[in-house]
Amino acid sequence: MAVLDLDSGAIIGKNPGKSIHGIAVARDLGRGFISCSDPGSVIIFNLRTLEVLDKVTVGADPNAILFDQKSQRVFTADRAPSV
């Protein structure tokens, strides 16, 4: 994933996620969350530095991802068939 400066169009950073499906932003927490299928995981990263903070295994193929401000939780929706 490349991060762009919208004013200049320059690439200002990269995140190592592969097979990215979605990104959720928790601005108040300074965190971003990326749903990946490499295998099914969510990468947690620092919004300011883009440093990867953790990688959490979730379902086999998480597709949608969102951050719920009220509950302060991240939700993913998996499109892979259950095992």
PDB file of N, CA and C in Angstrom:
ATOM      1  N   MET A   1       0.849  -1.169   0.000  1.00  0.00           N
ATOM      2  CA  MET A   1       0.000   0.000   0.000  1.00  0.00           C
ATOM      3  C   MET A   1       0.889   1.224   0.000  1.00  0.00           C
ATOM      4  N   ALA A   2       0.622   2.159  -0.859  1.00  0.00           N
ATOM      5  CA  ALA A   2       1.346   3.423  -0.904  1.00  0.00           C
ATOM      6  C   ALA A   2       0.476   4.510  -0.281  1.00  0.00           C
ATOM      7  N   VAL A   3       1.117   5.431   0.423  1.00  0.00           N
ATOM      8  CA  VAL A   3       0.429   6.573   1.019  1.00  0.00           C
ATOM      9  C   VAL A   3       0.866   7.813   0.251  1.00  0.00           C
ATOM     10  N   LEU A   4      -0.111   8.572  -0.228  1.00  0.00           N
ATOM     11  CA  LEU A   4       0.174   9.735  -1.052  1.00  0.00           C
ATOM     12  C   LEU A   4      -0.080  11.032  -0.311  1.00  0.00           C
ATOM     13  N   ASP A   5       0.734  12.043  -0.600  1.00  0.00           N
ATOM     14  CA  ASP A   5       0.472  13.418  -0.178  1.00  0.00           C
ATOM     15  C   ASP A   5      -0.498  13.974  -1.209  1.00  0.00           C
ATOM     16  N   LEU A   6      -1.712  14.291  -0.797  1.00  0.00           N
ATOM     17  CA  LEU A   6      -2.732  14.723  -1.752  1.00  0.00           C
ATOM     18  C   LEU A   6      -2.425  16.070  -2.385  1.00  0.00           C
ATOM     19  N   ASP A   7      -1.625  16.904  -1.718  1.00  0.00           N
ATOM     20  CA  ASP A   7      -1.278  18.200  -2.288  1.00  0.00           C
ATOM     21  C   ASP A   7      -0.256  18.073  -3.411  1.00  0.00           C
ATOM     22  N   SER A   8       0.759  17.233  -3.210  1.00  0.00           N
ATOM     23  CA  SER A   8       1.831  17.125  -4.197  1.00  0.00           C
ATOM     24  C   SER A   8       1.730  15.879  -5.076  1.00  0.00           C
ATOM     25  N   GLY A   9       0.994  14.871  -4.617  1.00  0.00           N
ATOM     26  CA  GLY A   9       0.911  13.610  -5.344  1.00  0.00           C
ATOM     27  C   GLY A   9       2.091  12.688  -5.086  1.00  0.00           C
ATOM     28  N   ALA A  10       3.004  13.113  -4.221  1.00  0.00           N
ATOM     29  CA  ALA A  10       4.200  12.326  -3.910  1.00  0.00           C
ATOM     30  C   ALA A  10       3.870  11.160  -2.981  1.00  0.00           C
ATOM     31  N   ILE A  11       4.576  10.052  -3.177  1.00  0.00           N
ATOM     32  CA  ILE A  11       4.458   8.921  -2.254  1.00  0.00           C
ATOM     33  C   ILE A  11       5.250   9.275  -1.000  1.00  0.00           C
ATOM     34  N   ILE A  12       4.581   9.265   0.158  1.00  0.00           N
ATOM     35  CA  ILE A  12       5.244   9.638   1.406  1.00  0.00           C
ATOM     36  C   ILE A  12       5.495   8.441   2.312  1.00  0.00           C
ATOM     37  N   GLY A  13       4.994   7.292   1.932  1.00  0.00           N
ATOM     38  CA  GLY A  13       5.230   6.104   2.734  1.00  0.00           C
ATOM     39  C   GLY A  13       4.600   4.888   2.105  1.00  0.00           C
ATOM     40  N   LYS A  14       5.012   3.739   2.611  1.00  0.00           N
ATOM     41  CA  LYS A  14       4.446   2.472   2.157  1.00  0.00           C
ATOM     42  C   LYS A  14       4.191   1.601   3.368  1.00  0.00           C
ATOM     43  N   ASN A  15       3.174   0.764   3.265  1.00  0.00           N
ATOM     44  CA  ASN A  15       2.842  -0.183   4.318  1.00  0.00           C
ATOM     45  C   ASN A  15       2.936  -1.571   3.703  1.00  0.00           C
ATOM     46  N   PRO A  16       3.456  -2.553   4.442  1.00  0.00           N
ATOM     47  CA  PRO A  16       3.748  -3.857   3.855  1.00  0.00           C
ATOM     48  C   PRO A  16       2.559  -4.781   3.614  1.00  0.00           C
ATOM     49  N   GLY A  17       1.354  -4.313   3.754  1.00  0.00           N
ATOM     50  CA  GLY A  17       0.206  -5.187   3.569  1.00  0.00           C
ATOM     51  C   GLY A  17       0.118  -5.737   2.150  1.00  0.00           C
ATOM     52  N   LYS A  18      -0.301  -6.999   2.029  1.00  0.00           N
ATOM     53  CA  LYS A  18      -0.494  -7.633   0.726  1.00  0.00           C
ATOM     54  C   LYS A  18      -1.941  -8.074   0.630  1.00  0.00           C
ATOM     55  N   SER A  19      -2.456  -8.135  -0.573  1.00  0.00           N
ATOM     56  CA  SER A  19      -3.849  -8.533  -0.797  1.00  0.00           C
ATOM     57  C   SER A  19      -4.791  -7.706   0.073  1.00  0.00           C
ATOM     58  N   ILE A  20      -4.604  -6.391   0.035  1.00  0.00           N
ATOM     59  CA  ILE A  20      -5.396  -5.476   0.864  1.00  0.00           C
ATOM     60  C   ILE A  20      -6.808  -5.364   0.306  1.00  0.00           C
ATOM     61  N   HIS A  21      -7.786  -5.429   1.226  1.00  0.00           N
ATOM     62  CA  HIS A  21      -9.184  -5.278   0.834  1.00  0.00           C
ATOM     63  C   HIS A  21      -9.768  -3.960   1.310  1.00  0.00           C
ATOM     64  N   GLY A  22      -9.368  -3.507   2.479  1.00  0.00           N
ATOM     65  CA  GLY A  22      -9.941  -2.277   3.010  1.00  0.00           C
ATOM     66  C   GLY A  22      -9.083  -1.684   4.096  1.00  0.00           C
ATOM     67  N   ILE A  23      -9.351  -0.407   4.377  1.00  0.00           N
ATOM     68  CA  ILE A  23      -8.626   0.309   5.414  1.00  0.00           C
ATOM     69  C   ILE A  23      -9.639   1.063   6.263  1.00  0.00           C
ATOM     70  N   ALA A  24      -9.479   0.968   7.585  1.00  0.00           N
ATOM     71  CA  ALA A  24     -10.296   1.720   8.527  1.00  0.00           C
ATOM     72  C   ALA A  24      -9.370   2.658   9.289  1.00  0.00           C
ATOM     73  N   VAL A  25      -9.836   3.876   9.541  1.00  0.00           N
ATOM     74  CA  VAL A  25      -9.025   4.872  10.227  1.00  0.00           C
ATOM     75  C   VAL A  25      -9.685   5.250  11.538  1.00  0.00           C
ATOM     76  N   ALA A  26      -8.895   5.212  12.616  1.00  0.00           N
ATOM     77  CA  ALA A  26      -9.335   5.666  13.939  1.00  0.00           C
ATOM     78  C   ALA A  26      -8.473   6.883  14.274  1.00  0.00           C
ATOM     79  N   ARG A  27      -8.840   8.017  13.717  1.00  0.00           N
ATOM     80  CA  ARG A  27      -8.040   9.239  13.826  1.00  0.00           C
ATOM     81  C   ARG A  27      -7.769   9.618  15.285  1.00  0.00           C
ATOM     82  N   ASP A  28      -8.781   9.533  16.146  1.00  0.00           N
ATOM     83  CA  ASP A  28      -8.610   9.899  17.555  1.00  0.00           C
ATOM     84  C   ASP A  28      -7.593   9.017  18.266  1.00  0.00           C
ATOM     85  N   LEU A  29      -7.444   7.777  17.805  1.00  0.00           N
ATOM     86  CA  LEU A  29      -6.497   6.840  18.419  1.00  0.00           C
ATOM     87  C   LEU A  29      -5.138   6.872  17.716  1.00  0.00           C
ATOM     88  N   GLY A  30      -5.078   7.547  16.574  1.00  0.00           N
ATOM     89  CA  GLY A  30      -3.833   7.593  15.814  1.00  0.00           C
ATOM     90  C   GLY A  30      -3.480   6.258  15.185  1.00  0.00           C
ATOM     91  N   ARG A  31      -4.498   5.456  14.899  1.00  0.00           N
ATOM     92  CA  ARG A  31      -4.280   4.112  14.362  1.00  0.00           C
ATOM     93  C   ARG A  31      -5.051   3.917  13.065  1.00  0.00           C
ATOM     94  N   GLY A  32      -4.492   3.040  12.227  1.00  0.00           N
ATOM     95  CA  GLY A  32      -5.162   2.598  11.024  1.00  0.00           C
ATOM     96  C   GLY A  32      -5.200   1.079  11.042  1.00  0.00           C
ATOM     97  N   PHE A  33      -6.155   0.509  10.332  1.00  0.00           N
ATOM     98  CA  PHE A  33      -6.355  -0.940  10.315  1.00  0.00           C
ATOM     99  C   PHE A  33      -6.572  -1.373   8.866  1.00  0.00           C
ATOM    100  N   ILE A  34      -5.814  -2.374   8.429  1.00  0.00           N
ATOM    101  CA  ILE A  34      -5.884  -2.850   7.053  1.00  0.00           C
ATOM    102  C   ILE A  34      -6.329  -4.308   7.061  1.00  0.00           C
ATOM    103  N   SER A  35      -7.382  -4.634   6.306  1.00  0.00           N
ATOM    104  CA  SER A  35      -7.792  -6.033   6.179  1.00  0.00           C
ATOM    105  C   SER A  35      -7.042  -6.651   5.005  1.00  0.00           C
ATOM    106  N   CYS A  36      -6.403  -7.787   5.256  1.00  0.00           N
ATOM    107  CA  CYS A  36      -5.570  -8.472   4.259  1.00  0.00           C
ATOM    108  C   CYS A  36      -5.942  -9.953   4.206  1.00  0.00           C
ATOM    109  N   SER A  37      -5.637 -10.567   3.074  1.00  0.00           N
ATOM    110  CA  SER A  37      -5.851 -12.016   2.966  1.00  0.00           C
ATOM    111  C   SER A  37      -4.521 -12.695   2.669  1.00  0.00           C
ATOM    112  N   ASP A  38      -3.574 -12.541   3.592  1.00  0.00           N
ATOM    113  CA  ASP A  38      -2.211 -13.054   3.383  1.00  0.00           C
ATOM    114  C   ASP A  38      -1.652 -13.816   4.579  1.00  0.00           C
ATOM    115  N   PRO A  39      -2.173 -14.774   5.214  1.00  0.00           N
ATOM    116  CA  PRO A  39      -3.586 -15.154   5.253  1.00  0.00           C
ATOM    117  C   PRO A  39      -4.396 -14.137   6.032  1.00  0.00           C
ATOM    118  N   GLY A  40      -5.636 -14.445   6.274  1.00  0.00           N
ATOM    119  CA  GLY A  40      -6.582 -13.507   6.862  1.00  0.00           C
ATOM    120  C   GLY A  40      -6.064 -12.806   8.102  1.00  0.00           C
ATOM    121  N   SER A  41      -5.847 -11.506   7.972  1.00  0.00           N
ATOM    122  CA  SER A  41      -5.303 -10.748   9.091  1.00  0.00           C
ATOM    123  C   SER A  41      -5.721  -9.291   8.997  1.00  0.00           C
ATOM    124  N   VAL A  42      -5.518  -8.595  10.105  1.00  0.00           N
ATOM    125  CA  VAL A  42      -5.669  -7.146  10.165  1.00  0.00           C
ATOM    126  C   VAL A  42      -4.336  -6.589  10.627  1.00  0.00           C
ATOM    127  N   ILE A  43      -3.779  -5.683   9.830  1.00  0.00           N
ATOM    128  CA  ILE A  43      -2.549  -5.000  10.201  1.00  0.00           C
ATOM    129  C   ILE A  43      -2.941  -3.707  10.907  1.00  0.00           C
ATOM    130  N   ILE A  44      -2.358  -3.474  12.078  1.00  0.00           N
ATOM    131  CA  ILE A  44      -2.589  -2.253  12.840  1.00  0.00           C
ATOM    132  C   ILE A  44      -1.350  -1.377  12.664  1.00  0.00           C
ATOM    133  N   PHE A  45      -1.559  -0.117  12.273  1.00  0.00           N
ATOM    134  CA  PHE A  45      -0.410   0.759  12.053  1.00  0.00           C
ATOM    135  C   PHE A  45      -0.630   2.155  12.614  1.00  0.00           C
ATOM    136  N   ASN A  46       0.477   2.848  12.862  1.00  0.00           N
ATOM    137  CA  ASN A  46       0.470   4.203  13.372  1.00  0.00           C
ATOM    138  C   ASN A  46       0.172   5.140  12.205  1.00  0.00           C
ATOM    139  N   LEU A  47      -0.848   5.978  12.332  1.00  0.00           N
ATOM    140  CA  LEU A  47      -1.234   6.864  11.235  1.00  0.00           C
ATOM    141  C   LEU A  47      -0.166   7.903  10.907  1.00  0.00           C
ATOM    142  N   ARG A  48       0.576   8.350  11.897  1.00  0.00           N
ATOM    143  CA  ARG A  48       1.571   9.398  11.676  1.00  0.00           C
ATOM    144  C   ARG A  48       2.845   8.857  11.040  1.00  0.00           C
ATOM    145  N   THR A  49       3.335   7.713  11.549  1.00  0.00           N
ATOM    146  CA  THR A  49       4.614   7.181  11.094  1.00  0.00           C
ATOM    147  C   THR A  49       4.474   6.042  10.085  1.00  0.00           C
ATOM    148  N   LEU A  50       3.283   5.469   9.977  1.00  0.00           N
ATOM    149  CA  LEU A  50       2.972   4.297   9.152  1.00  0.00           C
ATOM    150  C   LEU A  50       3.651   3.025   9.661  1.00  0.00           C
ATOM    151  N   GLU A  51       4.225   3.083  10.854  1.00  0.00           N
ATOM    152  CA  GLU A  51       4.869   1.913  11.460  1.00  0.00           C
ATOM    153  C   GLU A  51       3.823   0.848  11.775  1.00  0.00           C
ATOM    154  N   VAL A  52       4.122  -0.396  11.413  1.00  0.00           N
ATOM    155  CA  VAL A  52       3.239  -1.513  11.746  1.00  0.00           C
ATOM    156  C   VAL A  52       3.393  -1.805  13.234  1.00  0.00           C
ATOM    157  N   LEU A  53       2.265  -1.802  13.950  1.00  0.00           N
ATOM    158  CA  LEU A  53       2.270  -2.028  15.389  1.00  0.00           C
ATOM    159  C   LEU A  53       1.952  -3.466  15.744  1.00  0.00           C
ATOM    160  N   ASP A  54       1.110  -4.100  14.923  1.00  0.00           N
ATOM    161  CA  ASP A  54       0.717  -5.480  15.207  1.00  0.00           C
ATOM    162  C   ASP A  54       0.022  -6.050  13.979  1.00  0.00           C
ATOM    163  N   LYS A  55      -0.069  -7.369  13.949  1.00  0.00           N
ATOM    164  CA  LYS A  55      -0.809  -8.074  12.906  1.00  0.00           C
ATOM    165  C   LYS A  55      -1.639  -9.131  13.617  1.00  0.00           C
ATOM    166  N   VAL A  56      -2.953  -9.049  13.466  1.00  0.00           N
ATOM    167  CA  VAL A  56      -3.881  -9.924  14.174  1.00  0.00           C
ATOM    168  C   VAL A  56      -4.543 -10.869  13.180  1.00  0.00           C
ATOM    169  N   THR A  57      -4.495 -12.167  13.457  1.00  0.00           N
ATOM    170  CA  THR A  57      -5.159 -13.151  12.614  1.00  0.00           C
ATOM    171  C   THR A  57      -6.663 -13.080  12.846  1.00  0.00           C
ATOM    172  N   VAL A  58      -7.405 -13.027  11.741  1.00  0.00           N
ATOM    173  CA  VAL A  58      -8.876 -13.029  11.814  1.00  0.00           C
ATOM    174  C   VAL A  58      -9.359 -14.139  10.898  1.00  0.00           C
ATOM    175  N   GLY A  59     -10.511 -14.027  10.258  1.00  0.00           N
ATOM    176  CA  GLY A  59     -11.013 -15.065   9.361  1.00  0.00           C
ATOM    177  C   GLY A  59     -10.091 -15.296   8.178  1.00  0.00           C
ATOM    178  N   ALA A  60     -10.416 -16.260   7.357  1.00  0.00           N
ATOM    179  CA  ALA A  60      -9.561 -16.656   6.231  1.00  0.00           C
ATOM    180  C   ALA A  60      -9.393 -15.559   5.182  1.00  0.00           C
ATOM    181  N   ASP A  61     -10.423 -14.750   4.958  1.00  0.00           N
ATOM    182  CA  ASP A  61     -10.355 -13.743   3.902  1.00  0.00           C
ATOM    183  C   ASP A  61     -11.179 -12.508   4.270  1.00  0.00           C
ATOM    184  N   PRO A  62     -10.663 -11.697   5.221  1.00  0.00           N
ATOM    185  CA  PRO A  62     -11.428 -10.516   5.619  1.00  0.00           C
ATOM    186  C   PRO A  62     -11.532  -9.535   4.457  1.00  0.00           C
ATOM    187  N   ASN A  63     -12.719  -9.055   4.216  1.00  0.00           N
ATOM    188  CA  ASN A  63     -12.944  -8.170   3.087  1.00  0.00           C
ATOM    189  C   ASN A  63     -13.236  -6.763   3.578  1.00  0.00           C
ATOM    190  N   ALA A  64     -14.417  -6.527   4.062  1.00  0.00           N
ATOM    191  CA  ALA A  64     -14.777  -5.202   4.572  1.00  0.00           C
ATOM    192  C   ALA A  64     -14.186  -4.999   5.960  1.00  0.00           C
ATOM    193  N   ILE A  65     -13.891  -3.748   6.300  1.00  0.00           N
ATOM    194  CA  ILE A  65     -13.387  -3.404   7.622  1.00  0.00           C
ATOM    195  C   ILE A  65     -13.911  -2.022   7.984  1.00  0.00           C
ATOM    196  N   LEU A  66     -14.252  -1.828   9.261  1.00  0.00           N
ATOM    197  CA  LEU A  66     -14.696  -0.511   9.706  1.00  0.00           C
ATOM    198  C   LEU A  66     -14.360  -0.319  11.174  1.00  0.00           C
ATOM    199  N   PHE A  67     -14.192   0.941  11.548  1.00  0.00           N
ATOM    200  CA  PHE A  67     -13.961   1.311  12.940  1.00  0.00           C
ATOM    201  C   PHE A  67     -15.222   1.986  13.445  1.00  0.00           C
ATOM    202  N   ASP A  68     -15.779   1.460  14.562  1.00  0.00           N
ATOM    203  CA  ASP A  68     -16.967   2.036  15.171  1.00  0.00           C
ATOM    204  C   ASP A  68     -16.531   2.972  16.293  1.00  0.00           C
ATOM    205  N   GLN A  69     -16.738   4.265  16.090  1.00  0.00           N
ATOM    206  CA  GLN A  69     -16.303   5.287  17.041  1.00  0.00           C
ATOM    207  C   GLN A  69     -16.928   5.101  18.419  1.00  0.00           C
ATOM    208  N   LYS A  70     -18.208   4.759  18.461  1.00  0.00           N
ATOM    209  CA  LYS A  70     -18.908   4.657  19.740  1.00  0.00           C
ATOM    210  C   LYS A  70     -18.370   3.516  20.601  1.00  0.00           C
ATOM    211  N   SER A  71     -18.179   2.342  20.022  1.00  0.00           N
ATOM    212  CA  SER A  71     -17.703   1.195  20.798  1.00  0.00           C
ATOM    213  C   SER A  71     -16.181   1.099  20.833  1.00  0.00           C
ATOM    214  N   GLN A  72     -15.502   1.900  19.975  1.00  0.00           N
ATOM    215  CA  GLN A  72     -14.035   1.874  19.878  1.00  0.00           C
ATOM    216  C   GLN A  72     -13.539   0.495  19.450  1.00  0.00           C
ATOM    217  N   ARG A  73     -14.288  -0.146  18.539  1.00  0.00           N
ATOM    218  CA  ARG A  73     -13.929  -1.474  18.038  1.00  0.00           C
ATOM    219  C   ARG A  73     -13.801  -1.465  16.530  1.00  0.00           C
ATOM    220  N   VAL A  74     -12.988  -2.410  16.054  1.00  0.00           N
ATOM    221  CA  VAL A  74     -12.819  -2.617  14.623  1.00  0.00           C
ATOM    222  C   VAL A  74     -13.567  -3.887  14.252  1.00  0.00           C
ATOM    223  N   PHE A  75     -14.325  -3.830  13.167  1.00  0.00           N
ATOM    224  CA  PHE A  75     -15.085  -4.982  12.685  1.00  0.00           C
ATOM    225  C   PHE A  75     -14.629  -5.336  11.283  1.00  0.00           C
ATOM    226  N   THR A  76     -14.497  -6.637  11.014  1.00  0.00           N
ATOM    227  CA  THR A  76     -14.202  -7.109   9.667  1.00  0.00           C
ATOM    228  C   THR A  76     -15.314  -8.073   9.247  1.00  0.00           C
ATOM    229  N   ALA A  77     -15.515  -8.165   7.943  1.00  0.00           N
ATOM    230  CA  ALA A  77     -16.472  -9.123   7.393  1.00  0.00           C
ATOM    231  C   ALA A  77     -15.688 -10.068   6.501  1.00  0.00           C
ATOM    232  N   ASP A  78     -15.817 -11.344   6.758  1.00  0.00           N
ATOM    233  CA  ASP A  78     -15.057 -12.358   6.040  1.00  0.00           C
ATOM    234  C   ASP A  78     -15.916 -12.940   4.927  1.00  0.00           C
ATOM    235  N   ARG A  79     -15.350 -13.042   3.736  1.00  0.00           N
ATOM    236  CA  ARG A  79     -16.126 -13.595   2.614  1.00  0.00           C
ATOM    237  C   ARG A  79     -15.800 -15.040   2.315  1.00  0.00           C
ATOM    238  N   ALA A  80     -14.864 -15.612   3.055  1.00  0.00           N
ATOM    239  CA  ALA A  80     -14.499 -17.012   2.837  1.00  0.00           C
ATOM    240  C   ALA A  80     -15.566 -17.916   3.444  1.00  0.00           C
ATOM    241  N   PRO A  81     -15.798 -19.070   2.846  1.00  0.00           N
ATOM    242  CA  PRO A  81     -16.761 -20.017   3.431  1.00  0.00           C
ATOM    243  C   PRO A  81     -16.238 -20.524   4.763  1.00  0.00           C
ATOM    244  N   SER A  82     -17.134 -20.764   5.675  1.00  0.00           N
ATOM    245  CA  SER A  82     -16.723 -21.277   6.987  1.00  0.00           C
ATOM    246  C   SER A  82     -16.225 -22.720   6.841  1.00  0.00           C
ATOM    247  N   VAL A  83     -15.317 -23.081   7.699  1.00  0.00           N
ATOM    248  CA  VAL A  83     -14.693 -24.409   7.627  1.00  0.00           C
ATOM    249  C   VAL A  83     -15.415 -25.372   8.526  1.00  0.00           C
TER     250      VAL A  83
END
